[in-house]
């Protein structure tokens, strides 16, 4: 009887999770782009890759590459997108598996992301200034060895995130019912706020309800868990050392760092800047999102008008 009761409870739990998963997905039907601009599609290796474009096409190209997390998309640049479009031809894609781009159940990898960025830069830009956030900074740096770009601006870049690869962790998150239920917890509004408070925002009053709602909606689109499953299990970490990659590049490199970042601490930024002979711009009162919390100053950095930043 005990075994029968245990099996019944397990079946009931799975059934409850399945119903909860369907309810959450049904609530995320409305999903409109967050950035204002022309919404385009780039066809790549079977993906329909969504990107937002703004600004005069005759102005210098500026490509914005969002970081990687469970609710990632090009909305990360909402605070600076319009201002940058006043002087640049700005293009901001949703990376494969994120945002409005297709999210098939692939085994996503750092090499896939790097290949996408390489091809996107080659096909959709010319001598662009490339802004990469977090892990995307590493992908952009590797892609820059094969594509002509004008400059790299990397925001708290890193080549490691989750401390090693785990096939069981990835398999668990990819599981149809249980994996979806776990991912729904990771992508809940409470979790989104927790992660931002822990390492995203220095001042949580700058995190708007609109951003939280958008991230929650993005995290509950069909197929949304597959790319984050690779991220959480370490498979989106590149195998190459970021310092070595940057040292090989012959383009101007600016590293933008939040002074109070702990996941990728400022000490890492100083080491990278030394290895790559790069300019290091440090934002006070900031964690991993200095471009979100201090947009005007970040736009000045992109324009080349700020070498040092001191925000109290």
Protein backbone atom coordinates (compact mmCIF):
# COMPACT_ATOMS: atom_id res chain seq x y z
CA UNK A 1 0.00 0.00 0.00
CA UNK A 2 2.82 2.40 0.83
CA UNK A 3 4.39 1.82 -2.58
CA UNK A 4 1.02 2.27 -4.28
CA UNK A 5 0.43 5.52 -2.37
CA UNK A 6 3.89 6.78 -3.24
CA UNK A 7 3.38 6.03 -6.93
CA UNK A 8 0.00 7.70 -6.83
CA UNK A 9 1.50 10.80 -5.23
CA UNK A 10 4.25 10.88 -7.86
CA UNK A 11 1.79 10.57 -10.72
CA UNK A 12 -0.35 13.25 -9.14
CA UNK A 13 2.63 15.59 -8.79
CA UNK A 14 3.59 15.11 -12.43
CA UNK A 15 0.02 15.72 -13.49
CA UNK A 16 -0.16 18.87 -11.40
CA UNK A 17 3.11 20.10 -12.89
CA UNK A 18 1.85 19.45 -16.41
CA UNK A 19 -1.33 21.44 -15.77
CA UNK A 20 0.66 24.28 -14.18
CA UNK A 21 3.02 24.35 -17.16
CA UNK A 22 0.11 24.67 -19.59
CA UNK A 23 -1.52 27.43 -17.54
CA UNK A 24 1.69 29.47 -17.36
CA UNK A 25 2.32 29.13 -21.08
CA UNK A 26 -1.24 30.20 -21.88
CA UNK A 27 -0.71 33.37 -19.84
CA UNK A 28 2.35 34.29 -21.91
CA UNK A 29 0.59 34.52 -25.27
CA UNK A 30 1.06 38.29 -25.71
CA UNK A 31 4.70 38.81 -26.59
CA UNK A 32 5.54 41.98 -28.49
CA UNK A 33 9.09 43.31 -29.13
CA UNK A 34 10.38 45.54 -26.36
CA UNK A 35 12.68 47.74 -28.46
CA UNK A 36 11.25 50.42 -30.72
CA UNK A 37 12.43 50.11 -34.30
CA UNK A 38 11.99 48.08 -37.44
CA UNK A 39 11.51 44.40 -36.66
CA UNK A 40 13.51 42.24 -39.08
CA UNK A 41 14.23 38.55 -39.63
CA UNK A 42 17.60 37.01 -40.50
CA UNK A 43 17.46 33.43 -41.78
CA UNK A 44 20.34 31.38 -40.39
CA UNK A 45 20.80 27.59 -40.35
CA UNK A 46 17.07 26.97 -40.15
CA UNK A 47 16.49 29.67 -37.53
CA UNK A 48 14.33 32.73 -38.05
CA UNK A 49 16.46 35.16 -36.07
CA UNK A 50 14.60 38.26 -34.92
CA UNK A 51 16.40 41.59 -34.71
CA UNK A 52 15.49 45.21 -34.19
CA UNK A 53 16.98 47.88 -36.41
CA UNK A 54 16.96 51.66 -35.96
CA UNK A 55 18.87 54.73 -37.07
CA UNK A 56 20.13 55.96 -40.42
CA UNK A 57 21.61 53.12 -42.51
CA UNK A 58 24.27 55.58 -43.70
CA UNK A 59 25.53 56.04 -40.14
CA UNK A 60 28.20 53.71 -38.71
CA UNK A 61 26.94 50.25 -37.84
CA UNK A 62 26.53 49.35 -34.17
CA UNK A 63 25.59 45.78 -33.22
CA UNK A 64 24.26 45.09 -29.71
CA UNK A 65 24.56 41.52 -28.38
CA UNK A 66 22.62 40.73 -25.22
CA UNK A 67 23.92 38.57 -22.39
CA UNK A 68 22.79 35.06 -21.51
CA UNK A 69 20.24 34.20 -18.82
CA UNK A 70 16.88 32.47 -18.53
CA UNK A 71 14.98 35.55 -19.76
CA UNK A 72 17.58 37.06 -22.09
CA UNK A 73 16.79 39.05 -25.22
CA UNK A 74 17.74 42.29 -26.94
CA UNK A 75 15.48 44.12 -24.47
CA UNK A 76 18.63 44.35 -22.32
CA UNK A 77 19.54 47.48 -24.31
CA UNK A 78 16.21 49.26 -23.87
CA UNK A 79 17.76 52.08 -21.84
CA UNK A 80 20.32 53.03 -24.53
CA UNK A 81 18.83 51.84 -27.82
CA UNK A 82 17.01 55.02 -28.86
CA UNK A 83 19.87 57.33 -27.88
CA UNK A 84 22.43 55.25 -29.78
CA UNK A 85 20.17 55.22 -32.86
CA UNK A 86 20.53 59.00 -33.07
CA UNK A 87 24.14 58.60 -34.22
CA UNK A 88 24.45 54.97 -35.32
CA UNK A 89 22.73 52.42 -37.50
CA UNK A 90 21.86 50.12 -34.60
CA UNK A 91 21.08 46.42 -34.98
CA UNK A 92 20.13 44.27 -31.98
CA UNK A 93 19.43 40.55 -32.55
CA UNK A 94 17.81 38.04 -30.23
CA UNK A 95 20.36 35.23 -30.09
CA UNK A 96 19.33 31.71 -31.18
CA UNK A 97 17.04 30.21 -28.55
CA UNK A 98 16.10 33.55 -26.99
CA UNK A 99 13.57 36.35 -27.32
CA UNK A 100 11.62 36.40 -30.57
CA UNK A 101 14.12 34.17 -32.36
CA UNK A 102 13.23 30.51 -32.94
CA UNK A 103 13.78 28.21 -29.95
CA UNK A 104 14.03 24.63 -31.26
CA UNK A 105 15.05 21.84 -28.84
CA UNK A 106 18.73 21.82 -29.85
CA UNK A 107 21.77 21.18 -27.68
CA UNK A 108 22.87 24.81 -27.69
CA UNK A 109 26.59 25.50 -27.40
CA UNK A 110 29.14 28.30 -27.30
CA UNK A 111 30.34 27.32 -30.78
CA UNK A 112 26.80 27.70 -32.14
CA UNK A 113 26.49 31.18 -30.62
CA UNK A 114 29.91 32.22 -31.90
CA UNK A 115 29.14 30.97 -35.42
CA UNK A 116 25.86 32.86 -35.39
CA UNK A 117 27.49 36.12 -34.34
CA UNK A 118 30.25 35.70 -36.92
CA UNK A 119 27.75 35.15 -39.75
CA UNK A 120 25.34 37.85 -38.55
CA UNK A 121 28.12 40.43 -38.42
CA UNK A 122 29.35 39.40 -41.87
CA UNK A 123 25.88 39.50 -43.45
CA UNK A 124 24.10 42.32 -41.61
CA UNK A 125 26.83 44.86 -40.81
CA UNK A 126 29.98 46.44 -42.16
CA UNK A 127 32.95 47.40 -39.97
CA UNK A 128 30.59 47.59 -37.02
CA UNK A 129 31.26 48.63 -33.48
CA UNK A 130 30.18 45.56 -31.55
CA UNK A 131 28.82 45.69 -28.01
CA UNK A 132 28.73 42.34 -26.20
CA UNK A 133 27.36 41.68 -22.74
CA UNK A 134 28.64 38.97 -20.38
CA UNK A 135 29.12 35.63 -22.24
CA UNK A 136 28.21 37.27 -25.54
CA UNK A 137 31.32 39.38 -25.12
CA UNK A 138 33.40 36.22 -25.42
CA UNK A 139 31.43 35.06 -28.47
CA UNK A 140 31.88 38.47 -30.11
CA UNK A 141 35.62 38.41 -29.44
CA UNK A 142 36.00 34.98 -31.03
CA UNK A 143 33.88 36.02 -34.01
CA UNK A 144 36.00 39.16 -34.46
CA UNK A 145 38.94 36.99 -35.52
CA UNK A 146 37.04 36.14 -38.71
CA UNK A 147 35.00 39.29 -39.42
CA UNK A 148 36.19 42.85 -39.91
CA UNK A 149 34.88 45.09 -37.15
CA UNK A 150 35.76 48.61 -36.06
CA UNK A 151 35.76 48.18 -32.28
CA UNK A 152 34.74 45.88 -29.43
CA UNK A 153 32.93 47.22 -26.37
CA UNK A 154 32.45 44.44 -23.86
CA UNK A 155 30.28 44.73 -20.74
CA UNK A 156 31.55 42.56 -17.87
CA UNK A 157 32.65 39.88 -20.37
CA UNK A 158 33.37 36.36 -19.19
CA UNK A 159 34.32 32.95 -20.54
CA UNK A 160 32.79 31.02 -17.66
CA UNK A 161 29.44 31.12 -15.95
CA UNK A 162 28.28 27.97 -14.17
CA UNK A 163 31.53 26.35 -13.09
CA UNK A 164 31.77 23.30 -15.33
CA UNK A 165 29.59 21.26 -17.65
CA UNK A 166 26.91 18.87 -16.41
CA UNK A 167 25.06 16.54 -18.76
CA UNK A 168 22.61 15.38 -16.03
CA UNK A 169 21.69 18.97 -15.17
CA UNK A 170 21.07 19.77 -18.83
CA UNK A 171 19.01 16.60 -19.30
CA UNK A 172 16.90 17.39 -16.25
CA UNK A 173 16.03 20.87 -17.49
CA UNK A 174 15.23 19.56 -20.96
CA UNK A 175 12.80 16.97 -19.58
CA UNK A 176 9.24 17.52 -20.88
CA UNK A 177 7.29 17.95 -17.63
CA UNK A 178 9.65 18.07 -14.68
CA UNK A 179 12.23 20.13 -16.55
CA UNK A 180 9.57 22.60 -17.63
CA UNK A 181 8.30 22.86 -14.05
CA UNK A 182 11.81 23.57 -12.72
CA UNK A 183 12.42 26.10 -15.45
CA UNK A 184 9.11 27.81 -14.66
CA UNK A 185 10.38 28.32 -11.12
CA UNK A 186 13.65 29.76 -12.41
CA UNK A 187 11.66 32.03 -14.72
CA UNK A 188 9.11 33.15 -12.15
CA UNK A 189 8.78 36.85 -11.39
CA UNK A 190 10.08 36.24 -7.88
CA UNK A 191 13.20 34.54 -9.28
CA UNK A 192 13.70 37.24 -11.90
CA UNK A 193 13.67 39.90 -9.20
CA UNK A 194 15.93 37.80 -6.97
CA UNK A 195 18.57 37.32 -9.67
CA UNK A 196 18.52 41.00 -10.58
CA UNK A 197 18.89 41.97 -6.92
CA UNK A 198 21.69 39.45 -6.43
CA UNK A 199 23.91 40.39 -9.38
CA UNK A 200 22.08 42.50 -11.96
CA UNK A 201 21.03 45.82 -10.46
CA UNK A 202 22.84 47.90 -7.85
CA UNK A 203 19.68 49.96 -7.35
CA UNK A 204 16.58 47.77 -7.62
CA UNK A 205 14.35 50.84 -7.93
CA UNK A 206 15.66 51.07 -11.50
CA UNK A 207 14.17 47.67 -12.37
CA UNK A 208 10.74 48.47 -13.79
CA UNK A 209 7.63 46.30 -13.71
CA UNK A 210 7.58 46.50 -17.51
CA UNK A 211 10.99 44.83 -17.73
CA UNK A 212 10.03 42.11 -15.23
CA UNK A 213 6.78 41.43 -17.10
CA UNK A 214 8.61 41.21 -20.42
CA UNK A 215 11.27 38.88 -19.04
CA UNK A 216 8.61 36.64 -17.50
CA UNK A 217 6.71 36.52 -20.79
CA UNK A 218 9.88 35.74 -22.73
CA UNK A 219 10.80 32.98 -20.29
CA UNK A 220 7.42 31.29 -20.84
CA UNK A 221 7.41 31.08 -24.62
CA UNK A 222 7.36 27.63 -26.26
CA UNK A 223 10.84 26.10 -26.25
CA UNK A 224 12.19 28.78 -23.92
CA UNK A 225 13.99 26.35 -21.60
CA UNK A 226 16.30 24.69 -24.13
CA UNK A 227 18.97 27.38 -24.57
CA UNK A 228 18.97 28.25 -20.84
CA UNK A 229 19.33 24.52 -20.08
CA UNK A 230 22.66 24.61 -21.89
CA UNK A 231 23.59 27.81 -20.07
CA UNK A 232 22.75 26.53 -16.59
CA UNK A 233 24.64 23.29 -17.28
CA UNK A 234 27.77 25.10 -18.50
CA UNK A 235 27.57 24.24 -22.21
CA UNK A 236 27.40 27.88 -23.31
CA UNK A 237 30.83 28.58 -21.79
CA UNK A 238 33.47 28.79 -24.54
CA UNK A 239 36.47 26.53 -24.30
CA UNK A 240 38.98 29.24 -25.17
CA UNK A 241 40.45 31.64 -22.64
CA UNK A 242 38.98 35.11 -23.15
CA UNK A 243 42.24 36.87 -22.31
CA UNK A 244 44.08 34.92 -25.02
CA UNK A 245 41.36 35.69 -27.57
CA UNK A 246 41.38 39.41 -26.80
CA UNK A 247 45.18 39.51 -26.91
CA UNK A 248 45.10 38.11 -30.46
CA UNK A 249 42.77 40.82 -31.78
CA UNK A 250 44.00 43.88 -33.62
CA UNK A 251 41.01 46.16 -32.95
CA UNK A 252 40.35 48.74 -30.23
CA UNK A 253 38.81 47.09 -27.16
CA UNK A 254 36.94 48.82 -24.36
CA UNK A 255 35.90 46.90 -21.27
CA UNK A 256 32.98 48.35 -19.32
CA UNK A 257 32.72 47.12 -15.74
CA UNK A 258 30.43 47.58 -12.79
CA UNK A 259 32.59 48.40 -9.79
CA UNK A 260 30.46 46.26 -7.49
CA UNK A 261 30.01 43.24 -9.78
CA UNK A 262 30.68 40.02 -7.89
CA UNK A 263 29.99 37.21 -10.37
CA UNK A 264 32.54 38.79 -12.72
CA UNK A 265 34.47 40.98 -10.26
CA UNK A 266 36.35 44.11 -11.23
CA UNK A 267 39.62 42.31 -10.51
CA UNK A 268 38.87 40.10 -13.54
CA UNK A 269 38.36 43.21 -15.63
CA UNK A 270 41.71 44.63 -14.61
CA UNK A 271 43.44 41.39 -15.56
CA UNK A 272 41.69 41.27 -18.95
CA UNK A 273 42.48 44.91 -19.65
CA UNK A 274 46.14 44.26 -18.94
CA UNK A 275 46.24 41.10 -21.07
CA UNK A 276 44.49 42.74 -24.03
CA UNK A 277 45.95 46.24 -23.68
CA UNK A 278 42.32 47.39 -23.52
CA UNK A 279 40.69 50.49 -22.12
CA UNK A 280 38.87 49.76 -18.85
CA UNK A 281 35.92 51.98 -17.94
CA UNK A 282 34.55 51.43 -14.44
CA UNK A 283 31.06 52.46 -13.41
CA UNK A 284 30.47 53.03 -9.72
CA UNK A 285 27.17 52.02 -8.11
CA UNK A 286 26.79 49.24 -10.65
CA UNK A 287 26.84 45.44 -10.93
CA UNK A 288 26.49 43.58 -14.25
CA UNK A 289 24.24 46.12 -15.99
CA UNK A 290 25.99 49.51 -16.03
CA UNK A 291 24.44 50.26 -19.43
CA UNK A 292 20.97 49.85 -17.91
CA UNK A 293 21.55 51.73 -14.67
CA UNK A 294 23.68 54.54 -16.16
CA UNK A 295 22.52 54.83 -19.77
CA UNK A 296 23.69 58.37 -20.54
CA UNK A 297 27.22 57.65 -19.38
CA UNK A 298 27.29 54.36 -21.29
CA UNK A 299 26.22 56.11 -24.50
CA UNK A 300 29.12 58.52 -23.97
CA UNK A 301 31.47 55.54 -23.74
CA UNK A 302 30.20 54.15 -27.05
CA UNK A 303 30.62 57.57 -28.64
CA UNK A 304 34.20 57.69 -27.39
CA UNK A 305 33.48 60.70 -25.24
CA UNK A 306 34.30 59.10 -21.88
CA UNK A 307 37.55 57.45 -20.89
CA UNK A 308 36.80 57.27 -17.17
CA UNK A 309 33.45 57.21 -15.40
CA UNK A 310 32.89 58.09 -11.77
CA UNK A 311 29.30 57.84 -10.64
CA UNK A 312 28.40 58.41 -7.01
